[in-house]
Amino acid sequence: MFTESDDTEVIQLVLRGQQAAYATLVNRYQQYVFTLAMRYVKDRELAEELAQDVFVKAYRCLADFKGNSKFSTWLYTIVNTTCLSHLRKKKDETILLEEEKMISISDNSNAEKPSERLEQKTQKQMLNNALKHLPESEAQALSLFYQGEQSVDEIGVIMGLTTSNVKVKLFRARQKLKEVLESKYSRELV
């Protein structure tokens, strides 16, 4: 992700009237927002539409960003609210992030050999499949911590939990993930 100071500088430019600078934030976070939207809806076009809505809402509310957390955390909150509102209207069920989208956002692989890339991709797919066996909130906490690079405090803000609760949730989620990996993917882990 990008540093808070990079994002803060761009936000200040936008707030001072240089609206074109907002494109920098969109370029930085478009894959992040799209991937998060795909978590809630299966349809790629709908996820793109929701991502556009998120950026419009973020632009309109940019002055409300206080800098108490990372811009990505604040943006995540908008994604979450936008997608949940859409789902309430459509009465769809939420889903976990699709494996391919998670791989593309979390893996800018520097592997030199195609076989190494394939092995890494397979391992990530196995991990993401294992995450689907966890309760939604535990999978979300693990995804935010390891793939979204959010701090425990930021995860607390996003999920509406105390820092202690987030730590407990992460601990329990890791334990359950270990059990799932050992029971369902023991042959692949050898």
C-alpha atoms as a PDB file:
ATOM      1  CA  MET A   1       0.000   0.000   0.000  1.00  0.00           C
ATOM      2  CA  PHE A   2       0.994   3.617  -0.012  1.00  0.00           C
ATOM      3  CA  THR A   3       2.162   5.707   2.893  1.00  0.00           C
ATOM      4  CA  GLU A   4      -0.208   7.910   4.799  1.00  0.00           C
ATOM      5  CA  SER A   5       1.831  10.993   3.901  1.00  0.00           C
ATOM      6  CA  ASP A   6       1.559  10.252   0.151  1.00  0.00           C
ATOM      7  CA  ASP A   7      -2.212   9.956   0.427  1.00  0.00           C
ATOM      8  CA  THR A   8      -2.519  12.956   2.736  1.00  0.00           C
ATOM      9  CA  GLU A   9      -0.583  15.143   0.298  1.00  0.00           C
ATOM     10  CA  VAL A  10      -2.850  14.152  -2.579  1.00  0.00           C
ATOM     11  CA  ILE A  11      -5.963  14.694  -0.447  1.00  0.00           C
ATOM     12  CA  GLN A  12      -4.756  18.175   0.485  1.00  0.00           C
ATOM     13  CA  LEU A  13      -4.221  19.003  -3.198  1.00  0.00           C
ATOM     14  CA  VAL A  14      -7.769  17.874  -4.012  1.00  0.00           C
ATOM     15  CA  LEU A  15      -9.219  19.842  -1.119  1.00  0.00           C
ATOM     16  CA  ARG A  16      -7.345  22.942  -2.298  1.00  0.00           C
ATOM     17  CA  GLY A  17      -9.141  22.733  -5.625  1.00  0.00           C
ATOM     18  CA  GLN A  18      -6.933  20.497  -7.736  1.00  0.00           C
ATOM     19  CA  GLN A  19      -9.630  17.936  -8.477  1.00  0.00           C
ATOM     20  CA  ALA A  20      -7.467  16.230 -11.098  1.00  0.00           C
ATOM     21  CA  ALA A  21      -5.179  15.009  -8.294  1.00  0.00           C
ATOM     22  CA  TYR A  22      -7.997  12.715  -7.163  1.00  0.00           C
ATOM     23  CA  ALA A  23      -7.162  10.498 -10.143  1.00  0.00           C
ATOM     24  CA  THR A  24      -3.946   9.603  -8.307  1.00  0.00           C
ATOM     25  CA  LEU A  25      -5.949   8.139  -5.419  1.00  0.00           C
ATOM     26  CA  VAL A  26      -8.263   6.344  -7.806  1.00  0.00           C
ATOM     27  CA  ASN A  27      -5.290   4.792  -9.628  1.00  0.00           C
ATOM     28  CA  ARG A  28      -3.670   3.746  -6.354  1.00  0.00           C
ATOM     29  CA  TYR A  29      -6.752   2.117  -4.890  1.00  0.00           C
ATOM     30  CA  GLN A  30      -8.929   1.022  -7.818  1.00  0.00           C
ATOM     31  CA  GLN A  31      -7.788  -2.623  -7.664  1.00  0.00           C
ATOM     32  CA  TYR A  32      -8.139  -2.625  -3.865  1.00  0.00           C
ATOM     33  CA  VAL A  33     -11.692  -1.243  -4.022  1.00  0.00           C
ATOM     34  CA  PHE A  34     -12.695  -3.502  -6.904  1.00  0.00           C
ATOM     35  CA  THR A  35     -11.391  -6.579  -5.077  1.00  0.00           C
ATOM     36  CA  LEU A  36     -13.279  -5.646  -1.939  1.00  0.00           C
ATOM     37  CA  ALA A  37     -16.457  -5.097  -3.959  1.00  0.00           C
ATOM     38  CA  MET A  38     -16.014  -8.542  -5.536  1.00  0.00           C
ATOM     39  CA  ARG A  39     -16.171  -9.918  -2.019  1.00  0.00           C
ATOM     40  CA  TYR A  40     -19.798  -8.879  -1.790  1.00  0.00           C
ATOM     41  CA  VAL A  41     -21.012  -9.539  -5.330  1.00  0.00           C
ATOM     42  CA  LYS A  42     -20.110 -12.240  -7.827  1.00  0.00           C
ATOM     43  CA  ASP A  43     -20.738 -10.129 -10.902  1.00  0.00           C
ATOM     44  CA  ARG A  44     -17.637  -8.358 -12.253  1.00  0.00           C
ATOM     45  CA  GLU A  45     -19.631  -5.565 -13.899  1.00  0.00           C
ATOM     46  CA  LEU A  46     -21.602  -4.939 -10.728  1.00  0.00           C
ATOM     47  CA  ALA A  47     -18.374  -4.848  -8.700  1.00  0.00           C
ATOM     48  CA  GLU A  48     -16.968  -2.275 -11.132  1.00  0.00           C
ATOM     49  CA  GLU A  49     -20.142  -0.224 -10.778  1.00  0.00           C
ATOM     50  CA  LEU A  50     -19.971  -0.400  -6.988  1.00  0.00           C
ATOM     51  CA  ALA A  51     -16.291   0.572  -7.101  1.00  0.00           C
ATOM     52  CA  GLN A  52     -17.189   3.657  -9.136  1.00  0.00           C
ATOM     53  CA  ASP A  53     -19.877   4.526  -6.587  1.00  0.00           C
ATOM     54  CA  VAL A  54     -17.326   4.171  -3.809  1.00  0.00           C
ATOM     55  CA  PHE A  55     -14.921   6.600  -5.468  1.00  0.00           C
ATOM     56  CA  VAL A  56     -17.708   9.106  -6.095  1.00  0.00           C
ATOM     57  CA  LYS A  57     -18.792   8.904  -2.448  1.00  0.00           C
ATOM     58  CA  ALA A  58     -15.188   9.139  -1.259  1.00  0.00           C
ATOM     59  CA  TYR A  59     -14.646  12.230  -3.408  1.00  0.00           C
ATOM     60  CA  ARG A  60     -17.774  13.895  -2.050  1.00  0.00           C
ATOM     61  CA  CYS A  61     -16.776  13.115   1.542  1.00  0.00           C
ATOM     62  CA  LEU A  62     -13.038  13.710   1.194  1.00  0.00           C
ATOM     63  CA  ALA A  63     -13.177  16.715   3.503  1.00  0.00           C
ATOM     64  CA  ASP A  64     -14.499  14.351   6.203  1.00  0.00           C
ATOM     65  CA  PHE A  65     -11.290  12.300   6.120  1.00  0.00           C
ATOM     66  CA  LYS A  66      -9.557  13.334   9.345  1.00  0.00           C
ATOM     67  CA  GLY A  67      -6.392  11.287   8.945  1.00  0.00           C
ATOM     68  CA  ASN A  68      -6.981   9.332  12.174  1.00  0.00           C
ATOM     69  CA  SER A  69      -6.418   6.133  10.199  1.00  0.00           C
ATOM     70  CA  LYS A  70      -4.950   5.184   6.847  1.00  0.00           C
ATOM     71  CA  PHE A  71      -6.815   6.370   3.778  1.00  0.00           C
ATOM     72  CA  SER A  72      -7.252   2.704   2.798  1.00  0.00           C
ATOM     73  CA  THR A  73      -9.047   2.034   6.102  1.00  0.00           C
ATOM     74  CA  TRP A  74     -11.379   4.972   5.557  1.00  0.00           C
ATOM     75  CA  LEU A  75     -11.959   3.826   1.971  1.00  0.00           C
ATOM     76  CA  TYR A  76     -12.665   0.281   3.154  1.00  0.00           C
ATOM     77  CA  THR A  77     -15.429   1.619   5.378  1.00  0.00           C
ATOM     78  CA  ILE A  78     -17.043   3.303   2.366  1.00  0.00           C
ATOM     79  CA  VAL A  79     -16.728   0.104   0.308  1.00  0.00           C
ATOM     80  CA  ASN A  80     -18.288  -1.922   3.107  1.00  0.00           C
ATOM     81  CA  THR A  81     -21.185   0.496   3.584  1.00  0.00           C
ATOM     82  CA  THR A  82     -21.832   0.857  -0.158  1.00  0.00           C
ATOM     83  CA  CYS A  83     -21.799  -2.876  -0.807  1.00  0.00           C
ATOM     84  CA  LEU A  84     -23.935  -3.743   2.204  1.00  0.00           C
ATOM     85  CA  SER A  85     -26.476  -1.107   1.189  1.00  0.00           C
ATOM     86  CA  HIS A  86     -26.605  -2.594  -2.292  1.00  0.00           C
ATOM     87  CA  LEU A  87     -27.028  -6.100  -0.899  1.00  0.00           C
ATOM     88  CA  ARG A  88     -29.838  -5.005   1.380  1.00  0.00           C
ATOM     89  CA  LYS A  89     -31.644  -3.663  -1.640  1.00  0.00           C
ATOM     90  CA  LYS A  90     -31.018  -6.776  -3.695  1.00  0.00           C
ATOM     91  CA  LYS A  91     -31.168  -9.236  -0.772  1.00  0.00           C
ATOM     92  CA  ASP A  92     -28.094 -11.069  -2.054  1.00  0.00           C
ATOM     93  CA  GLU A  93     -25.760 -13.029   0.197  1.00  0.00           C
ATOM     94  CA  THR A  94     -22.202 -11.873   0.848  1.00  0.00           C
ATOM     95  CA  ILE A  95     -19.301 -14.001  -0.332  1.00  0.00           C
ATOM     96  CA  LEU A  96     -15.593 -14.216   0.342  1.00  0.00           C
ATOM     97  CA  LEU A  97     -13.091 -12.595  -1.967  1.00  0.00           C
ATOM     98  CA  GLU A  98     -12.608 -14.586  -5.136  1.00  0.00           C
ATOM     99  CA  GLU A  99      -9.262 -16.311  -5.285  1.00  0.00           C
ATOM    100  CA  GLU A 100      -8.039 -14.691  -8.486  1.00  0.00           C
ATOM    101  CA  LYS A 101      -8.781 -11.165  -7.262  1.00  0.00           C
ATOM    102  CA  MET A 102      -7.062 -11.763  -3.950  1.00  0.00           C
ATOM    103  CA  ILE A 103      -4.032 -13.138  -5.724  1.00  0.00           C
ATOM    104  CA  SER A 104      -3.777 -10.148  -8.014  1.00  0.00           C
ATOM    105  CA  ILE A 105      -3.958  -7.617  -5.173  1.00  0.00           C
ATOM    106  CA  SER A 106      -1.748  -9.444  -2.702  1.00  0.00           C
ATOM    107  CA  ASP A 107       0.815 -10.932  -5.052  1.00  0.00           C
ATOM    108  CA  ASN A 108       3.071  -8.933  -7.274  1.00  0.00           C
ATOM    109  CA  SER A 109       5.163 -12.024  -7.660  1.00  0.00           C
ATOM    110  CA  ASN A 110       8.848 -11.610  -8.273  1.00  0.00           C
ATOM    111  CA  ALA A 111       9.269 -15.286  -8.982  1.00  0.00           C
ATOM    112  CA  GLU A 112      11.572 -15.796 -11.904  1.00  0.00           C
ATOM    113  CA  LYS A 113      10.337 -19.189 -13.049  1.00  0.00           C
ATOM    114  CA  PRO A 114       6.783 -19.865 -14.234  1.00  0.00           C
ATOM    115  CA  SER A 115       6.747 -23.043 -12.138  1.00  0.00           C
ATOM    116  CA  GLU A 116       7.469 -20.978  -8.998  1.00  0.00           C
ATOM    117  CA  ARG A 117       4.679 -18.557  -9.877  1.00  0.00           C
ATOM    118  CA  LEU A 118       2.286 -21.449 -10.438  1.00  0.00           C
ATOM    119  CA  GLU A 119       3.232 -22.990  -7.093  1.00  0.00           C
ATOM    120  CA  GLN A 120       2.724 -19.662  -5.299  1.00  0.00           C
ATOM    121  CA  LYS A 121      -0.614 -19.177  -7.031  1.00  0.00           C
ATOM    122  CA  THR A 122      -1.700 -22.692  -6.077  1.00  0.00           C
ATOM    123  CA  GLN A 123      -0.701 -22.106  -2.455  1.00  0.00           C
ATOM    124  CA  LYS A 124      -2.643 -18.850  -2.357  1.00  0.00           C
ATOM    125  CA  GLN A 125      -5.679 -20.541  -3.889  1.00  0.00           C
ATOM    126  CA  MET A 126      -5.471 -23.288  -1.288  1.00  0.00           C
ATOM    127  CA  LEU A 127      -5.223 -20.701   1.481  1.00  0.00           C
ATOM    128  CA  ASN A 128      -8.144 -18.707   0.101  1.00  0.00           C
ATOM    129  CA  ASN A 129     -10.234 -21.865  -0.223  1.00  0.00           C
ATOM    130  CA  ALA A 130      -9.406 -22.706   3.379  1.00  0.00           C
ATOM    131  CA  LEU A 131     -10.528 -19.205   4.423  1.00  0.00           C
ATOM    132  CA  LYS A 132     -13.968 -20.003   3.033  1.00  0.00           C
ATOM    133  CA  HIS A 133     -14.362 -22.626   5.761  1.00  0.00           C
ATOM    134  CA  LEU A 134     -14.027 -19.995   8.493  1.00  0.00           C
ATOM    135  CA  PRO A 135     -16.830 -17.812   9.824  1.00  0.00           C
ATOM    136  CA  GLU A 136     -17.172 -14.612   7.776  1.00  0.00           C
ATOM    137  CA  SER A 137     -15.877 -12.278  10.484  1.00  0.00           C
ATOM    138  CA  GLU A 138     -12.767 -14.378  11.108  1.00  0.00           C
ATOM    139  CA  ALA A 139     -11.983 -14.654   7.396  1.00  0.00           C
ATOM    140  CA  GLN A 140     -12.488 -10.900   7.096  1.00  0.00           C
ATOM    141  CA  ALA A 141     -10.108 -10.203   9.988  1.00  0.00           C
ATOM    142  CA  LEU A 142      -7.397 -12.431   8.512  1.00  0.00           C
ATOM    143  CA  SER A 143      -7.844 -10.895   5.046  1.00  0.00           C
ATOM    144  CA  LEU A 144      -7.632  -7.369   6.403  1.00  0.00           C
ATOM    145  CA  PHE A 145      -4.559  -8.140   8.506  1.00  0.00           C
ATOM    146  CA  TYR A 146      -2.508 -10.186   6.036  1.00  0.00           C
ATOM    147  CA  GLN A 147      -3.733  -9.096   2.623  1.00  0.00           C
ATOM    148  CA  GLY A 148      -5.051  -5.621   3.335  1.00  0.00           C
ATOM    149  CA  GLU A 149      -2.064  -4.835   5.572  1.00  0.00           C
ATOM    150  CA  GLN A 150      -4.331  -3.176   8.129  1.00  0.00           C
ATOM    151  CA  SER A 151      -3.200  -2.779  11.733  1.00  0.00           C
ATOM    152  CA  VAL A 152      -5.108  -4.334  14.628  1.00  0.00           C
ATOM    153  CA  ASP A 153      -6.427  -0.868  15.546  1.00  0.00           C
ATOM    154  CA  GLU A 154      -7.609  -0.233  11.979  1.00  0.00           C
ATOM    155  CA  ILE A 155      -9.307  -3.611  11.809  1.00  0.00           C
ATOM    156  CA  GLY A 156     -11.087  -2.679  15.034  1.00  0.00           C
ATOM    157  CA  VAL A 157     -12.376   0.513  13.434  1.00  0.00           C
ATOM    158  CA  ILE A 158     -13.496  -1.327  10.301  1.00  0.00           C
ATOM    159  CA  MET A 159     -15.183  -4.196  12.117  1.00  0.00           C
ATOM    160  CA  GLY A 160     -16.482  -2.201  15.077  1.00  0.00           C
ATOM    161  CA  LEU A 161     -14.436  -4.167  17.618  1.00  0.00           C
ATOM    162  CA  THR A 162     -12.012  -3.258  20.368  1.00  0.00           C
ATOM    163  CA  THR A 163      -8.316  -3.883  19.811  1.00  0.00           C
ATOM    164  CA  SER A 164      -8.447  -6.753  22.316  1.00  0.00           C
ATOM    165  CA  ASN A 165     -11.377  -8.345  20.500  1.00  0.00           C
ATOM    166  CA  VAL A 166      -9.527  -8.092  17.185  1.00  0.00           C
ATOM    167  CA  LYS A 167      -6.464  -9.797  18.689  1.00  0.00           C
ATOM    168  CA  VAL A 168      -8.622 -12.603  20.061  1.00  0.00           C
ATOM    169  CA  LYS A 169     -10.475 -12.940  16.748  1.00  0.00           C
ATOM    170  CA  LEU A 170      -7.177 -13.122  14.827  1.00  0.00           C
ATOM    171  CA  PHE A 171      -5.786 -15.699  17.255  1.00  0.00           C
ATOM    172  CA  ARG A 172      -8.874 -17.895  16.991  1.00  0.00           C
ATOM    173  CA  ALA A 173      -9.043 -17.459  13.231  1.00  0.00           C
ATOM    174  CA  ARG A 174      -5.409 -18.563  12.861  1.00  0.00           C
ATOM    175  CA  GLN A 175      -6.108 -21.632  14.996  1.00  0.00           C
ATOM    176  CA  LYS A 176      -9.180 -22.552  12.936  1.00  0.00           C
ATOM    177  CA  LEU A 177      -7.333 -21.912   9.685  1.00  0.00           C
ATOM    178  CA  LYS A 178      -4.530 -24.202  10.832  1.00  0.00           C
ATOM    179  CA  GLU A 179      -7.074 -26.928  11.624  1.00  0.00           C
ATOM    180  CA  VAL A 180      -8.760 -26.514   8.233  1.00  0.00           C
ATOM    181  CA  LEU A 181      -5.439 -26.635   6.406  1.00  0.00           C
ATOM    182  CA  GLU A 182      -4.347 -29.741   8.324  1.00  0.00           C
ATOM    183  CA  SER A 183      -7.630 -31.561   7.832  1.00  0.00           C
ATOM    184  CA  LYS A 184      -8.507 -30.651   4.261  1.00  0.00           C
ATOM    185  CA  TYR A 185      -5.134 -29.905   2.657  1.00  0.00           C
ATOM    186  CA  SER A 186      -2.685 -32.120   4.544  1.00  0.00           C
ATOM    187  CA  ARG A 187      -1.468 -33.829   1.346  1.00  0.00           C
ATOM    188  CA  GLU A 188      -0.738 -30.513  -0.348  1.00  0.00           C
ATOM    189  CA  LEU A 189       1.172 -29.199   2.692  1.00  0.00           C
ATOM    190  CA  VAL A 190       3.751 -31.988   2.650  1.00  0.00           C
END
